[in-house]
Amino acid sequence: MIVPDPKAVRRQLTRYAALRIAQSEHAVPARARELEDVSYTLCVMMGTTSVQDAIARADALLAEDQHKEKENDGEGDLSLVG
């Protein structure tokens, strides 16, 4: 499976959350369609058929990415203090 760019996943999750909140506060047909589009995009990006599974996989991907970033912190550090 091709692993999506964590930044793109984060953007889609942010859009999804913002649309869900806005739609729950004031339902608008155009926003509902946009939410469907974002949900579909998340599913495609994460290789799932349900938005709940896509969110779970996206969360796992972002957690793994954050863990990798922490592991790489200081890598290549040339300071003598350490």
PDB file of N, CA and C in Angstrom:
ATOM      1  N   MET A   1       0.838  -1.186   0.000  1.00  0.00           N
ATOM      2  CA  MET A   1       0.000   0.000   0.000  1.00  0.00           C
ATOM      3  C   MET A   1       0.880   1.245   0.000  1.00  0.00           C
ATOM      4  N   ILE A   2       0.518   2.217  -0.778  1.00  0.00           N
ATOM      5  CA  ILE A   2       1.224   3.490  -0.799  1.00  0.00           C
ATOM      6  C   ILE A   2       0.848   4.259   0.462  1.00  0.00           C
ATOM      7  N   VAL A   3       1.856   4.751   1.155  1.00  0.00           N
ATOM      8  CA  VAL A   3       1.610   5.500   2.389  1.00  0.00           C
ATOM      9  C   VAL A   3       1.455   6.977   2.041  1.00  0.00           C
ATOM     10  N   PRO A   4       0.321   7.568   2.406  1.00  0.00           N
ATOM     11  CA  PRO A   4       0.107   8.979   2.072  1.00  0.00           C
ATOM     12  C   PRO A   4       0.998   9.896   2.905  1.00  0.00           C
ATOM     13  N   ASP A   5       1.216  11.077   2.387  1.00  0.00           N
ATOM     14  CA  ASP A   5       2.003  12.081   3.087  1.00  0.00           C
ATOM     15  C   ASP A   5       1.278  12.485   4.371  1.00  0.00           C
ATOM     16  N   PRO A   6       1.934  12.385   5.521  1.00  0.00           N
ATOM     17  CA  PRO A   6       1.290  12.743   6.788  1.00  0.00           C
ATOM     18  C   PRO A   6       0.720  14.161   6.799  1.00  0.00           C
ATOM     19  N   LYS A   7       1.378  15.097   6.120  1.00  0.00           N
ATOM     20  CA  LYS A   7       0.864  16.470   6.085  1.00  0.00           C
ATOM     21  C   LYS A   7      -0.471  16.542   5.347  1.00  0.00           C
ATOM     22  N   ALA A   8      -0.591  15.793   4.258  1.00  0.00           N
ATOM     23  CA  ALA A   8      -1.846  15.767   3.509  1.00  0.00           C
ATOM     24  C   ALA A   8      -2.945  15.104   4.335  1.00  0.00           C
ATOM     25  N   VAL A   9      -2.595  14.057   5.045  1.00  0.00           N
ATOM     26  CA  VAL A   9      -3.561  13.379   5.911  1.00  0.00           C
ATOM     27  C   VAL A   9      -4.025  14.326   7.006  1.00  0.00           C
ATOM     28  N   ARG A  10      -3.084  15.021   7.616  1.00  0.00           N
ATOM     29  CA  ARG A  10      -3.421  15.967   8.687  1.00  0.00           C
ATOM     30  C   ARG A  10      -4.372  17.055   8.162  1.00  0.00           C
ATOM     31  N   ARG A  11      -4.116  17.555   6.958  1.00  0.00           N
ATOM     32  CA  ARG A  11      -5.000  18.567   6.366  1.00  0.00           C
ATOM     33  C   ARG A  11      -6.417  18.028   6.175  1.00  0.00           C
ATOM     34  N   GLN A  12      -6.512  16.798   5.669  1.00  0.00           N
ATOM     35  CA  GLN A  12      -7.837  16.210   5.452  1.00  0.00           C
ATOM     36  C   GLN A  12      -8.565  15.976   6.775  1.00  0.00           C
ATOM     37  N   LEU A  13      -7.849  15.510   7.786  1.00  0.00           N
ATOM     38  CA  LEU A  13      -8.472  15.309   9.095  1.00  0.00           C
ATOM     39  C   LEU A  13      -8.958  16.630   9.682  1.00  0.00           C
ATOM     40  N   THR A  14      -8.178  17.675   9.493  1.00  0.00           N
ATOM     41  CA  THR A  14      -8.571  18.997   9.988  1.00  0.00           C
ATOM     42  C   THR A  14      -9.821  19.481   9.275  1.00  0.00           C
ATOM     43  N   ARG A  15      -9.846  19.328   7.952  1.00  0.00           N
ATOM     44  CA  ARG A  15     -11.038  19.713   7.177  1.00  0.00           C
ATOM     45  C   ARG A  15     -12.248  18.913   7.613  1.00  0.00           C
ATOM     46  N   TYR A  16     -12.048  17.603   7.792  1.00  0.00           N
ATOM     47  CA  TYR A  16     -13.145  16.738   8.210  1.00  0.00           C
ATOM     48  C   TYR A  16     -13.712  17.194   9.556  1.00  0.00           C
ATOM     49  N   ALA A  17     -12.836  17.424  10.519  1.00  0.00           N
ATOM     50  CA  ALA A  17     -13.282  17.837  11.855  1.00  0.00           C
ATOM     51  C   ALA A  17     -14.008  19.176  11.802  1.00  0.00           C
ATOM     52  N   ALA A  18     -13.456  20.126  11.073  1.00  0.00           N
ATOM     53  CA  ALA A  18     -14.079  21.448  10.981  1.00  0.00           C
ATOM     54  C   ALA A  18     -15.464  21.360  10.334  1.00  0.00           C
ATOM     55  N   LEU A  19     -15.573  20.566   9.286  1.00  0.00           N
ATOM     56  CA  LEU A  19     -16.868  20.409   8.614  1.00  0.00           C
ATOM     57  C   LEU A  19     -17.879  19.690   9.489  1.00  0.00           C
ATOM     58  N   ARG A  20     -17.426  18.674  10.219  1.00  0.00           N
ATOM     59  CA  ARG A  20     -18.346  17.965  11.129  1.00  0.00           C
ATOM     60  C   ARG A  20     -18.886  18.915  12.191  1.00  0.00           C
ATOM     61  N   ILE A  21     -18.009  19.733  12.757  1.00  0.00           N
ATOM     62  CA  ILE A  21     -18.433  20.682  13.784  1.00  0.00           C
ATOM     63  C   ILE A  21     -19.411  21.693  13.189  1.00  0.00           C
ATOM     64  N   ALA A  22     -19.042  22.286  12.060  1.00  0.00           N
ATOM     65  CA  ALA A  22     -19.898  23.293  11.429  1.00  0.00           C
ATOM     66  C   ALA A  22     -21.249  22.700  11.042  1.00  0.00           C
ATOM     67  N   GLN A  23     -21.241  21.496  10.510  1.00  0.00           N
ATOM     68  CA  GLN A  23     -22.488  20.860  10.085  1.00  0.00           C
ATOM     69  C   GLN A  23     -23.370  20.523  11.285  1.00  0.00           C
ATOM     70  N   SER A  24     -22.756  20.140  12.407  1.00  0.00           N
ATOM     71  CA  SER A  24     -23.563  19.819  13.588  1.00  0.00           C
ATOM     72  C   SER A  24     -24.172  21.079  14.206  1.00  0.00           C
ATOM     73  N   GLU A  25     -23.485  22.206  14.035  1.00  0.00           N
ATOM     74  CA  GLU A  25     -24.000  23.473  14.563  1.00  0.00           C
ATOM     75  C   GLU A  25     -25.097  24.051  13.685  1.00  0.00           C
ATOM     76  N   HIS A  26     -24.951  23.877  12.381  1.00  0.00           N
ATOM     77  CA  HIS A  26     -25.946  24.424  11.437  1.00  0.00           C
ATOM     78  C   HIS A  26     -25.859  23.629  10.143  1.00  0.00           C
ATOM     79  N   ALA A  27     -26.793  22.721   9.971  1.00  0.00           N
ATOM     80  CA  ALA A  27     -26.789  21.852   8.794  1.00  0.00           C
ATOM     81  C   ALA A  27     -27.083  22.645   7.523  1.00  0.00           C
ATOM     82  N   VAL A  28     -26.209  22.468   6.543  1.00  0.00           N
ATOM     83  CA  VAL A  28     -26.334  23.129   5.245  1.00  0.00           C
ATOM     84  C   VAL A  28     -26.052  22.074   4.173  1.00  0.00           C
ATOM     85  N   PRO A  29     -26.912  21.949   3.163  1.00  0.00           N
ATOM     86  CA  PRO A  29     -26.710  20.920   2.132  1.00  0.00           C
ATOM     87  C   PRO A  29     -25.333  20.983   1.449  1.00  0.00           C
ATOM     88  N   ALA A  30     -24.869  22.173   1.133  1.00  0.00           N
ATOM     89  CA  ALA A  30     -23.561  22.292   0.466  1.00  0.00           C
ATOM     90  C   ALA A  30     -22.447  21.784   1.367  1.00  0.00           C
ATOM     91  N   ARG A  31     -22.541  22.065   2.648  1.00  0.00           N
ATOM     92  CA  ARG A  31     -21.532  21.604   3.603  1.00  0.00           C
ATOM     93  C   ARG A  31     -21.606  20.084   3.752  1.00  0.00           C
ATOM     94  N   ALA A  32     -22.801  19.544   3.702  1.00  0.00           N
ATOM     95  CA  ALA A  32     -22.967  18.092   3.781  1.00  0.00           C
ATOM     96  C   ALA A  32     -22.272  17.413   2.605  1.00  0.00           C
ATOM     97  N   ARG A  33     -22.413  17.995   1.412  1.00  0.00           N
ATOM     98  CA  ARG A  33     -21.736  17.442   0.233  1.00  0.00           C
ATOM     99  C   ARG A  33     -20.224  17.543   0.386  1.00  0.00           C
ATOM    100  N   GLU A  34     -19.754  18.674   0.883  1.00  0.00           N
ATOM    101  CA  GLU A  34     -18.307  18.834   1.086  1.00  0.00           C
ATOM    102  C   GLU A  34     -17.795  17.830   2.110  1.00  0.00           C
ATOM    103  N   LEU A  35     -18.572  17.596   3.154  1.00  0.00           N
ATOM    104  CA  LEU A  35     -18.194  16.613   4.168  1.00  0.00           C
ATOM    105  C   LEU A  35     -18.129  15.216   3.560  1.00  0.00           C
ATOM    106  N   GLU A  36     -19.067  14.894   2.682  1.00  0.00           N
ATOM    107  CA  GLU A  36     -19.031  13.611   1.978  1.00  0.00           C
ATOM    108  C   GLU A  36     -17.769  13.497   1.127  1.00  0.00           C
ATOM    109  N   ASP A  37     -17.416  14.571   0.436  1.00  0.00           N
ATOM    110  CA  ASP A  37     -16.205  14.569  -0.398  1.00  0.00           C
ATOM    111  C   ASP A  37     -14.949  14.359   0.438  1.00  0.00           C
ATOM    112  N   VAL A  38     -14.864  15.062   1.547  1.00  0.00           N
ATOM    113  CA  VAL A  38     -13.694  14.932   2.421  1.00  0.00           C
ATOM    114  C   VAL A  38     -13.634  13.525   3.019  1.00  0.00           C
ATOM    115  N   SER A  39     -14.788  13.003   3.405  1.00  0.00           N
ATOM    116  CA  SER A  39     -14.851  11.638   3.948  1.00  0.00           C
ATOM    117  C   SER A  39     -14.366  10.627   2.908  1.00  0.00           C
ATOM    118  N   TYR A  40     -14.843  10.783   1.680  1.00  0.00           N
ATOM    119  CA  TYR A  40     -14.427   9.894   0.599  1.00  0.00           C
ATOM    120  C   TYR A  40     -12.913   9.992   0.368  1.00  0.00           C
ATOM    121  N   THR A  41     -12.393  11.213   0.357  1.00  0.00           N
ATOM    122  CA  THR A  41     -10.960  11.416   0.144  1.00  0.00           C
ATOM    123  C   THR A  41     -10.150  10.742   1.248  1.00  0.00           C
ATOM    124  N   LEU A  42     -10.596  10.879   2.494  1.00  0.00           N
ATOM    125  CA  LEU A  42      -9.911  10.209   3.599  1.00  0.00           C
ATOM    126  C   LEU A  42      -9.913   8.695   3.406  1.00  0.00           C
ATOM    127  N   CYS A  43     -11.054   8.160   2.994  1.00  0.00           N
ATOM    128  CA  CYS A  43     -11.146   6.718   2.765  1.00  0.00           C
ATOM    129  C   CYS A  43     -10.178   6.263   1.672  1.00  0.00           C
ATOM    130  N   VAL A  44     -10.129   7.008   0.589  1.00  0.00           N
ATOM    131  CA  VAL A  44      -9.216   6.658  -0.510  1.00  0.00           C
ATOM    132  C   VAL A  44      -7.766   6.758  -0.045  1.00  0.00           C
ATOM    133  N   MET A  45      -7.431   7.846   0.641  1.00  0.00           N
ATOM    134  CA  MET A  45      -6.055   8.043   1.106  1.00  0.00           C
ATOM    135  C   MET A  45      -5.600   6.916   2.035  1.00  0.00           C
ATOM    136  N   MET A  46      -6.528   6.455   2.881  1.00  0.00           N
ATOM    137  CA  MET A  46      -6.164   5.479   3.893  1.00  0.00           C
ATOM    138  C   MET A  46      -6.504   4.043   3.493  1.00  0.00           C
ATOM    139  N   GLY A  47      -7.094   3.862   2.303  1.00  0.00           N
ATOM    140  CA  GLY A  47      -7.396   2.520   1.804  1.00  0.00           C
ATOM    141  C   GLY A  47      -8.496   1.820   2.578  1.00  0.00           C
ATOM    142  N   THR A  48      -9.541   2.560   2.940  1.00  0.00           N
ATOM    143  CA  THR A  48     -10.647   1.980   3.689  1.00  0.00           C
ATOM    144  C   THR A  48     -11.960   2.257   2.974  1.00  0.00           C
ATOM    145  N   THR A  49     -13.026   1.655   3.485  1.00  0.00           N
ATOM    146  CA  THR A  49     -14.347   1.918   2.925  1.00  0.00           C
ATOM    147  C   THR A  49     -15.246   2.655   3.909  1.00  0.00           C
ATOM    148  N   SER A  50     -14.781   2.852   5.141  1.00  0.00           N
ATOM    149  CA  SER A  50     -15.573   3.620   6.108  1.00  0.00           C
ATOM    150  C   SER A  50     -14.731   4.753   6.671  1.00  0.00           C
ATOM    151  N   VAL A  51     -15.374   5.869   6.921  1.00  0.00           N
ATOM    152  CA  VAL A  51     -14.651   7.033   7.421  1.00  0.00           C
ATOM    153  C   VAL A  51     -14.093   6.762   8.826  1.00  0.00           C
ATOM    154  N   GLN A  52     -14.792   5.967   9.619  1.00  0.00           N
ATOM    155  CA  GLN A  52     -14.285   5.642  10.955  1.00  0.00           C
ATOM    156  C   GLN A  52     -12.968   4.872  10.866  1.00  0.00           C
ATOM    157  N   ASP A  53     -12.900   3.905   9.939  1.00  0.00           N
ATOM    158  CA  ASP A  53     -11.655   3.164   9.732  1.00  0.00           C
ATOM    159  C   ASP A  53     -10.565   4.077   9.180  1.00  0.00           C
ATOM    160  N   ALA A  54     -10.941   4.981   8.292  1.00  0.00           N
ATOM    161  CA  ALA A  54      -9.968   5.911   7.716  1.00  0.00           C
ATOM    162  C   ALA A  54      -9.380   6.811   8.803  1.00  0.00           C
ATOM    163  N   ILE A  55     -10.214   7.289   9.708  1.00  0.00           N
ATOM    164  CA  ILE A  55      -9.739   8.146  10.794  1.00  0.00           C
ATOM    165  C   ILE A  55      -8.812   7.367  11.707  1.00  0.00           C
ATOM    166  N   ALA A  56      -9.173   6.132  12.018  1.00  0.00           N
ATOM    167  CA  ALA A  56      -8.321   5.304  12.880  1.00  0.00           C
ATOM    168  C   ALA A  56      -6.957   5.070  12.235  1.00  0.00           C
ATOM    169  N   ARG A  57      -6.949   4.759  10.943  1.00  0.00           N
ATOM    170  CA  ARG A  57      -5.668   4.549  10.244  1.00  0.00           C
ATOM    171  C   ARG A  57      -4.875   5.843  10.139  1.00  0.00           C
ATOM    172  N   ALA A  58      -5.572   6.938   9.906  1.00  0.00           N
ATOM    173  CA  ALA A  58      -4.892   8.233   9.817  1.00  0.00           C
ATOM    174  C   ALA A  58      -4.259   8.583  11.157  1.00  0.00           C
ATOM    175  N   ASP A  59      -4.984   8.360  12.232  1.00  0.00           N
ATOM    176  CA  ASP A  59      -4.426   8.619  13.569  1.00  0.00           C
ATOM    177  C   ASP A  59      -3.188   7.770  13.817  1.00  0.00           C
ATOM    178  N   ALA A  60      -3.245   6.499  13.425  1.00  0.00           N
ATOM    179  CA  ALA A  60      -2.095   5.610  13.606  1.00  0.00           C
ATOM    180  C   ALA A  60      -0.909   6.078  12.760  1.00  0.00           C
ATOM    181  N   LEU A  61      -1.177   6.484  11.531  1.00  0.00           N
ATOM    182  CA  LEU A  61      -0.113   6.981  10.651  1.00  0.00           C
ATOM    183  C   LEU A  61       0.543   8.218  11.248  1.00  0.00           C
ATOM    184  N   LEU A  62      -0.264   9.142  11.742  1.00  0.00           N
ATOM    185  CA  LEU A  62       0.283  10.376  12.305  1.00  0.00           C
ATOM    186  C   LEU A  62       1.048  10.105  13.599  1.00  0.00           C
ATOM    187  N   ALA A  63       0.579   9.155  14.396  1.00  0.00           N
ATOM    188  CA  ALA A  63       1.297   8.794  15.618  1.00  0.00           C
ATOM    189  C   ALA A  63       2.649   8.178  15.271  1.00  0.00           C
ATOM    190  N   GLU A  64       2.662   7.319  14.257  1.00  0.00           N
ATOM    191  CA  GLU A  64       3.915   6.704  13.814  1.00  0.00           C
ATOM    192  C   GLU A  64       4.872   7.764  13.268  1.00  0.00           C
ATOM    193  N   ASP A  65       4.335   8.699  12.497  1.00  0.00           N
ATOM    194  CA  ASP A  65       5.157   9.770  11.941  1.00  0.00           C
ATOM    195  C   ASP A  65       5.752  10.633  13.057  1.00  0.00           C
ATOM    196  N   GLN A  66       4.951  10.928  14.053  1.00  0.00           N
ATOM    197  CA  GLN A  66       5.441  11.729  15.180  1.00  0.00           C
ATOM    198  C   GLN A  66       6.530  10.970  15.931  1.00  0.00           C
ATOM    199  N   HIS A  67       6.345   9.666  16.087  1.00  0.00           N
ATOM    200  CA  HIS A  67       7.349   8.842  16.767  1.00  0.00           C
ATOM    201  C   HIS A  67       8.666   8.860  15.980  1.00  0.00           C
ATOM    202  N   LYS A  68       8.583   8.742  14.666  1.00  0.00           N
ATOM    203  CA  LYS A  68       9.785   8.782  13.819  1.00  0.00           C
ATOM    204  C   LYS A  68      10.489  10.132  13.943  1.00  0.00           C
ATOM    205  N   GLU A  69       9.716  11.215  13.989  1.00  0.00           N
ATOM    206  CA  GLU A  69      10.314  12.545  14.127  1.00  0.00           C
ATOM    207  C   GLU A  69      11.062  12.665  15.445  1.00  0.00           C
ATOM    208  N   LYS A  70      10.491  12.125  16.506  1.00  0.00           N
ATOM    209  CA  LYS A  70      11.148  12.180  17.815  1.00  0.00           C
ATOM    210  C   LYS A  70      12.429  11.361  17.819  1.00  0.00           C
ATOM    211  N   GLU A  71      12.398  10.208  17.153  1.00  0.00           N
ATOM    212  CA  GLU A  71      13.595   9.375  17.060  1.00  0.00           C
ATOM    213  C   GLU A  71      14.705  10.090  16.304  1.00  0.00           C
ATOM    214  N   ASN A  72      14.341  10.871  15.302  1.00  0.00           N
ATOM    215  CA  ASN A  72      15.320  11.555  14.469  1.00  0.00           C
ATOM    216  C   ASN A  72      15.801  12.865  15.074  1.00  0.00           C
ATOM    217  N   ASP A  73      15.135  13.353  16.121  1.00  0.00           N
ATOM    218  CA  ASP A  73      15.591  14.579  16.783  1.00  0.00           C
ATOM    219  C   ASP A  73      17.005  14.360  17.306  1.00  0.00           C
ATOM    220  N   GLY A  74      17.860  15.274  16.973  1.00  0.00           N
ATOM    221  CA  GLY A  74      19.240  15.171  17.431  1.00  0.00           C
ATOM    222  C   GLY A  74      20.115  14.349  16.523  1.00  0.00           C
ATOM    223  N   GLU A  75      19.536  13.619  15.584  1.00  0.00           N
ATOM    224  CA  GLU A  75      20.338  12.839  14.655  1.00  0.00           C
ATOM    225  C   GLU A  75      21.123  13.802  13.776  1.00  0.00           C
ATOM    226  N   GLY A  76      22.382  13.574  13.671  1.00  0.00           N
ATOM    227  CA  GLY A  76      23.219  14.466  12.891  1.00  0.00           C
ATOM    228  C   GLY A  76      23.688  15.678  13.690  1.00  0.00           C
ATOM    229  N   ASP A  77      23.392  15.685  14.983  1.00  0.00           N
ATOM    230  CA  ASP A  77      23.800  16.774  15.867  1.00  0.00           C
ATOM    231  C   ASP A  77      25.315  16.707  16.050  1.00  0.00           C
ATOM    232  N   LEU A  78      25.990  17.777  15.726  1.00  0.00           N
ATOM    233  CA  LEU A  78      27.453  17.785  15.788  1.00  0.00           C
ATOM    234  C   LEU A  78      27.990  18.423  17.055  1.00  0.00           C
ATOM    235  N   SER A  79      27.119  18.781  17.976  1.00  0.00           N
ATOM    236  CA  SER A  79      27.613  19.430  19.194  1.00  0.00           C
ATOM    237  C   SER A  79      28.378  18.426  20.050  1.00  0.00           C
ATOM    238  N   LEU A  80      29.308  18.924  20.821  1.00  0.00           N
ATOM    239  CA  LEU A  80      30.125  18.079  21.683  1.00  0.00           C
ATOM    240  C   LEU A  80      29.464  17.885  23.042  1.00  0.00           C
ATOM    241  N   VAL A  81      28.437  18.652  23.322  1.00  0.00           N
ATOM    242  CA  VAL A  81      27.716  18.543  24.582  1.00  0.00           C
ATOM    243  C   VAL A  81      26.553  17.603  24.347  1.00  0.00           C
ATOM    244  N   GLY A  82      26.390  16.659  25.196  1.00  0.00           N
ATOM    245  CA  GLY A  82      25.317  15.826  24.837  1.00  0.00           C
ATOM    246  C   GLY A  82      24.781  14.933  25.796  1.00  0.00           C
TER     247      GLY A  82
END
